C-alpha atoms as a PDB file:
ATOM      1  CA  MET A   1     110.812 119.633  35.821  1.00  0.00           C
ATOM      2  CA  PRO A   2     112.667 119.171  39.124  1.00  0.00           C
ATOM      3  CA  ASN A   3     115.559 121.474  39.931  1.00  0.00           C
ATOM      4  CA  ARG A   4     118.864 119.897  38.933  1.00  0.00           C
ATOM      5  CA  PRO A   5     121.469 121.956  40.845  1.00  0.00           C
ATOM      6  CA  THR A   6     123.589 119.933  43.205  1.00  0.00           C
ATOM      7  CA  SER A   7     123.878 122.812  45.665  1.00  0.00           C
ATOM      8  CA  LEU A   8     121.112 123.735  48.045  1.00  0.00           C
ATOM      9  CA  PHE A   9     122.245 127.338  47.546  1.00  0.00           C
ATOM     10  CA  SER A  10     121.581 127.471  43.792  1.00  0.00           C
ATOM     11  CA  ALA A  11     118.805 129.737  42.525  1.00  0.00           C
ATOM     12  CA  GLY A  12     116.189 126.988  42.105  1.00  0.00           C
ATOM     13  CA  PRO A  13     116.508 125.333  45.519  1.00  0.00           C
ATOM     14  CA  LEU A  14     116.746 128.725  47.241  1.00  0.00           C
ATOM     15  CA  ALA A  15     113.532 129.861  45.562  1.00  0.00           C
ATOM     16  CA  LEU A  16     111.816 126.623  46.600  1.00  0.00           C
ATOM     17  CA  ILE A  17     113.023 126.993  50.195  1.00  0.00           C
ATOM     18  CA  GLY A  18     111.905 130.617  50.276  1.00  0.00           C
ATOM     19  CA  LEU A  19     108.410 129.784  49.029  1.00  0.00           C
ATOM     20  CA  ILE A  20     108.006 126.875  51.444  1.00  0.00           C
ATOM     21  CA  ALA A  21     109.271 128.968  54.365  1.00  0.00           C
ATOM     22  CA  ALA A  22     106.950 131.846  53.479  1.00  0.00           C
ATOM     23  CA  VAL A  23     103.815 129.716  53.378  1.00  0.00           C
ATOM     24  CA  ALA A  24     104.880 127.789  56.496  1.00  0.00           C
ATOM     25  CA  LEU A  25     104.916 131.070  58.391  1.00  0.00           C
ATOM     26  CA  THR A  26     101.287 131.712  57.410  1.00  0.00           C
ATOM     27  CA  ARG A  27     100.445 129.052  59.996  1.00  0.00           C
ATOM     28  CA  LEU A  28     101.237 131.717  62.605  1.00  0.00           C
ATOM     29  CA  LEU A  29      98.437 133.952  61.267  1.00  0.00           C
ATOM     30  CA  PRO A  30      94.805 133.502  62.287  1.00  0.00           C
ATOM     31  CA  HIS A  31      93.094 130.962  60.031  1.00  0.00           C
ATOM     32  CA  PRO A  32      90.230 128.447  60.098  1.00  0.00           C
ATOM     33  CA  PRO A  33      91.107 125.075  61.670  1.00  0.00           C
ATOM     34  CA  ASN A  34      93.136 122.885  59.292  1.00  0.00           C
ATOM     35  CA  PHE A  35      93.237 125.567  56.569  1.00  0.00           C
ATOM     36  CA  SER A  36      96.980 125.265  56.287  1.00  0.00           C
ATOM     37  CA  PRO A  37      99.830 124.976  53.793  1.00  0.00           C
ATOM     38  CA  VAL A  38     101.252 121.777  55.270  1.00  0.00           C
ATOM     39  CA  GLU A  39     100.144 119.217  52.670  1.00  0.00           C
ATOM     40  CA  ALA A  40     100.789 121.676  49.812  1.00  0.00           C
ATOM     41  CA  MET A  41     104.353 122.281  51.072  1.00  0.00           C
ATOM     42  CA  ALA A  42     105.017 118.542  51.030  1.00  0.00           C
ATOM     43  CA  LEU A  43     103.651 118.013  47.520  1.00  0.00           C
ATOM     44  CA  PHE A  44     105.473 121.097  46.230  1.00  0.00           C
ATOM     45  CA  GLY A  45     108.798 119.970  47.710  1.00  0.00           C
ATOM     46  CA  GLY A  46     108.347 116.493  46.262  1.00  0.00           C
ATOM     47  CA  ALA A  47     107.473 117.878  42.845  1.00  0.00           C
ATOM     48  CA  TYR A  48     110.411 120.268  42.462  1.00  0.00           C
ATOM     49  CA  PHE A  49     113.480 119.404  44.536  1.00  0.00           C
ATOM     50  CA  ALA A  50     115.876 117.275  42.490  1.00  0.00           C
ATOM     51  CA  LYS A  51     117.367 115.685  45.595  1.00  0.00           C
ATOM     52  CA  ARG A  52     114.781 113.484  47.202  1.00  0.00           C
ATOM     53  CA  SER A  53     116.247 114.103  50.637  1.00  0.00           C
ATOM     54  CA  TRP A  54     115.681 117.870  50.224  1.00  0.00           C
ATOM     55  CA  ALA A  55     112.164 117.194  48.947  1.00  0.00           C
ATOM     56  CA  VAL A  56     111.338 115.507  52.252  1.00  0.00           C
ATOM     57  CA  LEU A  57     113.514 117.453  54.691  1.00  0.00           C
ATOM     58  CA  VAL A  58     112.771 121.047  53.647  1.00  0.00           C
ATOM     59  CA  PRO A  59     108.980 120.793  54.189  1.00  0.00           C
ATOM     60  CA  LEU A  60     109.539 118.923  57.467  1.00  0.00           C
ATOM     61  CA  ILE A  61     111.974 121.560  58.724  1.00  0.00           C
ATOM     62  CA  ALA A  62     109.589 124.363  57.699  1.00  0.00           C
ATOM     63  CA  LEU A  63     106.756 122.542  59.481  1.00  0.00           C
ATOM     64  CA  PHE A  64     108.877 122.111  62.595  1.00  0.00           C
ATOM     65  CA  ILE A  65     109.905 125.788  62.671  1.00  0.00           C
ATOM     66  CA  SER A  66     106.287 126.887  62.274  1.00  0.00           C
ATOM     67  CA  ASP A  67     105.278 124.402  65.005  1.00  0.00           C
ATOM     68  CA  LEU A  68     107.886 125.971  67.294  1.00  0.00           C
ATOM     69  CA  GLY A  69     106.458 129.390  66.485  1.00  0.00           C
ATOM     70  CA  LEU A  70     102.955 128.155  67.307  1.00  0.00           C
ATOM     71  CA  GLY A  71     104.284 126.681  70.532  1.00  0.00           C
ATOM     72  CA  LEU A  72     105.792 130.011  71.532  1.00  0.00           C
ATOM     73  CA  MET A  73     102.581 131.822  70.680  1.00  0.00           C
ATOM     74  CA  MET A  74     100.246 129.350  72.384  1.00  0.00           C
ATOM     75  CA  GLY A  75     102.401 128.319  75.309  1.00  0.00           C
ATOM     76  CA  GLY A  76     102.634 125.001  77.078  1.00  0.00           C
ATOM     77  CA  GLU A  77      99.352 123.735  75.709  1.00  0.00           C
ATOM     78  CA  TYR A  78     100.817 123.458  72.202  1.00  0.00           C
ATOM     79  CA  PHE A  79     104.169 122.133  73.397  1.00  0.00           C
ATOM     80  CA  HIS A  80     102.423 118.990  74.676  1.00  0.00           C
ATOM     81  CA  TYR A  81     101.865 118.223  71.010  1.00  0.00           C
ATOM     82  CA  PHE A  82     105.649 117.767  70.548  1.00  0.00           C
ATOM     83  CA  VAL A  83     105.730 114.806  72.916  1.00  0.00           C
ATOM     84  CA  SER A  84     102.589 113.138  71.618  1.00  0.00           C
ATOM     85  CA  GLY A  85     102.191 110.285  69.205  1.00  0.00           C
ATOM     86  CA  GLY A  86     100.166 112.645  67.036  1.00  0.00           C
ATOM     87  CA  PHE A  87     103.302 114.712  66.395  1.00  0.00           C
ATOM     88  CA  LEU A  88     105.152 111.723  64.949  1.00  0.00           C
ATOM     89  CA  LEU A  89     102.141 110.639  62.928  1.00  0.00           C
ATOM     90  CA  VAL A  90     101.705 114.100  61.372  1.00  0.00           C
ATOM     91  CA  TYR A  91     105.399 114.343  60.485  1.00  0.00           C
ATOM     92  CA  LEU A  92     105.472 110.827  59.070  1.00  0.00           C
ATOM     93  CA  THR A  93     102.412 111.608  56.950  1.00  0.00           C
ATOM     94  CA  ILE A  94     104.002 114.812  55.655  1.00  0.00           C
ATOM     95  CA  ALA A  95     107.144 112.865  54.713  1.00  0.00           C
ATOM     96  CA  VAL A  96     104.977 110.366  52.828  1.00  0.00           C
ATOM     97  CA  LEU A  97     103.167 113.218  51.061  1.00  0.00           C
ATOM     98  CA  SER A  98     106.531 114.660  49.985  1.00  0.00           C
ATOM     99  CA  ILE A  99     107.351 111.297  48.415  1.00  0.00           C
ATOM    100  CA  PHE A 100     103.851 111.227  46.920  1.00  0.00           C
ATOM    101  CA  GLY A 101     104.727 114.586  45.292  1.00  0.00           C
ATOM    102  CA  PHE A 102     107.454 112.834  43.266  1.00  0.00           C
ATOM    103  CA  GLY A 103     104.610 111.743  40.971  1.00  0.00           C
ATOM    104  CA  LEU A 104     104.181 115.369  39.893  1.00  0.00           C
ATOM    105  CA  ARG A 105     107.797 115.732  38.752  1.00  0.00           C
ATOM    106  CA  GLY A 106     107.946 117.016  35.205  1.00  0.00           C
ATOM    107  CA  ARG A 107     104.161 116.679  34.872  1.00  0.00           C
ATOM    108  CA  ILE A 108     102.801 119.780  36.587  1.00  0.00           C
ATOM    109  CA  SER A 109      99.293 120.766  35.493  1.00  0.00           C
ATOM    110  CA  VAL A 110      96.366 122.358  37.282  1.00  0.00           C
ATOM    111  CA  ALA A 111      94.390 119.111  37.173  1.00  0.00           C
ATOM    112  CA  ARG A 112      97.273 116.951  38.433  1.00  0.00           C
ATOM    113  CA  VAL A 113      98.168 119.350  41.263  1.00  0.00           C
ATOM    114  CA  ALA A 114      94.494 119.553  42.283  1.00  0.00           C
ATOM    115  CA  GLY A 115      94.139 115.773  42.168  1.00  0.00           C
ATOM    116  CA  TYR A 116      97.284 115.213  44.204  1.00  0.00           C
ATOM    117  CA  GLY A 117      96.204 117.932  46.635  1.00  0.00           C
ATOM    118  CA  ILE A 118      92.798 116.368  47.232  1.00  0.00           C
ATOM    119  CA  ALA A 119      94.263 112.864  47.513  1.00  0.00           C
ATOM    120  CA  GLY A 120      96.977 114.140  49.883  1.00  0.00           C
ATOM    121  CA  SER A 121      94.408 115.881  52.080  1.00  0.00           C
ATOM    122  CA  ILE A 122      92.292 112.730  52.251  1.00  0.00           C
ATOM    123  CA  LEU A 123      95.341 110.612  53.134  1.00  0.00           C
ATOM    124  CA  PHE A 124      96.325 113.111  55.845  1.00  0.00           C
ATOM    125  CA  PHE A 125      92.746 113.027  57.188  1.00  0.00           C
ATOM    126  CA  LEU A 126      92.579 109.225  57.230  1.00  0.00           C
ATOM    127  CA  VAL A 127      95.951 108.738  58.917  1.00  0.00           C
ATOM    128  CA  THR A 128      95.713 111.508  61.508  1.00  0.00           C
ATOM    129  CA  ASN A 129      92.113 110.759  62.478  1.00  0.00           C
ATOM    130  CA  PHE A 130      93.034 107.108  62.842  1.00  0.00           C
ATOM    131  CA  GLY A 131      95.764 108.319  65.190  1.00  0.00           C
ATOM    132  CA  VAL A 132      93.234 110.390  67.162  1.00  0.00           C
ATOM    133  CA  TRP A 133      91.037 107.304  67.545  1.00  0.00           C
ATOM    134  CA  PHE A 134      93.800 104.805  68.280  1.00  0.00           C
ATOM    135  CA  GLY A 135      94.315 104.519  72.022  1.00  0.00           C
ATOM    136  CA  SER A 136      91.858 107.350  72.658  1.00  0.00           C
ATOM    137  CA  ALA A 137      89.933 107.544  75.892  1.00  0.00           C
ATOM    138  CA  PHE A 138      87.315 109.651  74.104  1.00  0.00           C
ATOM    139  CA  TYR A 139      86.491 107.222  71.282  1.00  0.00           C
ATOM    140  CA  PRO A 140      85.799 103.525  71.985  1.00  0.00           C
ATOM    141  CA  GLN A 141      88.316 101.207  70.378  1.00  0.00           C
ATOM    142  CA  THR A 142      85.702  99.742  68.072  1.00  0.00           C
ATOM    143  CA  ALA A 143      84.753 100.149  64.436  1.00  0.00           C
ATOM    144  CA  SER A 144      81.933 102.484  65.464  1.00  0.00           C
ATOM    145  CA  GLY A 145      84.398 104.497  67.567  1.00  0.00           C
ATOM    146  CA  LEU A 146      86.686 104.826  64.547  1.00  0.00           C
ATOM    147  CA  MET A 147      83.772 105.935  62.374  1.00  0.00           C
ATOM    148  CA  ALA A 148      82.814 108.482  65.059  1.00  0.00           C
ATOM    149  CA  ALA A 149      86.378 109.859  65.008  1.00  0.00           C
ATOM    150  CA  TYR A 150      86.242 110.170  61.222  1.00  0.00           C
ATOM    151  CA  ALA A 151      82.789 111.770  61.333  1.00  0.00           C
ATOM    152  CA  ALA A 152      83.984 114.336  63.888  1.00  0.00           C
ATOM    153  CA  GLY A 153      86.890 115.203  61.598  1.00  0.00           C
ATOM    154  CA  ILE A 154      84.862 115.895  58.446  1.00  0.00           C
ATOM    155  CA  PRO A 155      84.736 119.705  58.967  1.00  0.00           C
ATOM    156  CA  PHE A 156      88.527 119.640  59.330  1.00  0.00           C
ATOM    157  CA  LEU A 157      88.811 117.592  56.121  1.00  0.00           C
ATOM    158  CA  GLN A 158      86.831 120.205  54.215  1.00  0.00           C
ATOM    159  CA  ASN A 159      89.098 123.006  55.485  1.00  0.00           C
ATOM    160  CA  GLY A 160      92.145 120.839  54.809  1.00  0.00           C
ATOM    161  CA  ILE A 161      91.199 120.269  51.178  1.00  0.00           C
ATOM    162  CA  VAL A 162      90.408 123.944  50.584  1.00  0.00           C
ATOM    163  CA  GLY A 163      93.626 125.008  52.325  1.00  0.00           C
ATOM    164  CA  THR A 164      95.711 122.508  50.371  1.00  0.00           C
ATOM    165  CA  LEU A 165      94.213 123.643  47.072  1.00  0.00           C
ATOM    166  CA  PHE A 166      94.687 127.315  47.961  1.00  0.00           C
ATOM    167  CA  TYR A 167      98.316 126.901  49.027  1.00  0.00           C
ATOM    168  CA  SER A 168      99.085 124.528  46.137  1.00  0.00           C
ATOM    169  CA  THR A 169      97.820 127.194  43.736  1.00  0.00           C
ATOM    170  CA  LEU A 170      99.948 129.772  45.518  1.00  0.00           C
ATOM    171  CA  LEU A 171     103.136 127.653  45.626  1.00  0.00           C
ATOM    172  CA  PHE A 172     102.996 125.983  42.218  1.00  0.00           C
ATOM    173  CA  GLY A 173     101.612 129.090  40.493  1.00  0.00           C
ATOM    174  CA  THR A 174     104.152 131.448  42.033  1.00  0.00           C
ATOM    175  CA  TYR A 175     107.056 129.161  41.172  1.00  0.00           C
ATOM    176  CA  GLU A 176     105.889 128.750  37.575  1.00  0.00           C
ATOM    177  CA  LEU A 177     105.588 132.547  37.275  1.00  0.00           C
ATOM    178  CA  LEU A 178     109.056 132.979  38.781  1.00  0.00           C
ATOM    179  CA  LYS A 179     110.459 130.507  36.248  1.00  0.00           C
ATOM    180  CA  GLN A 180     109.067 132.683  33.455  1.00  0.00           C
ATOM    181  CA  ARG A 181     110.649 135.847  34.901  1.00  0.00           C
ATOM    182  CA  ILE A 182     113.967 134.521  36.205  1.00  0.00           C
ATOM    183  CA  PRO A 183     116.005 132.721  33.533  1.00  0.00           C
ATOM    184  CA  ALA A 184     118.152 130.862  36.094  1.00  0.00           C
ATOM    185  CA  LEU A 185     115.056 129.113  37.447  1.00  0.00           C
ATOM    186  CA  ALA A 186     113.753 128.155  34.006  1.00  0.00           C
ATOM    187  CA  GLN A 187     117.057 126.406  33.219  1.00  0.00           C
ATOM    188  CA  ASN A 188     116.730 124.050  36.173  1.00  0.00           C
END
């Protein structure tokens, strides 16, 4: 059931923000490529925030803050990402995945979260690898070039799915446990 408070500073929204922020910061820790919480954060926000604008904005803001942190850690190389078309494509895809998460509202189950997580990871893979191919000097702008870009991304897809499932379990599971222990959350 989505949180119903009208204030972003009510117990439910604050707990959601805290969980999203915490997993977003794990992006700053060493991890396998594409094993990240990004798609899980989007689905989680979409599933629980009552206000649709919060459901989209909170994961995007958490993503942006963690991207800034990565930029500071990695230097100018990562900051080039902020002025690339890939940046906009990733953020647009995350916004779409937050909206996709609306389908989980009030119907959270292990199977549904896993299904949405896998579908979200595949959508992210398809869109972002299309973006890598589109206008690329590395891949020819042909159907075979597009297939080569997708083929090169398959190891990242595998890590993306595993990461999304791991972080979805962490986010959704932790919040459900918190709802059992904190009465104010269960009432939302």
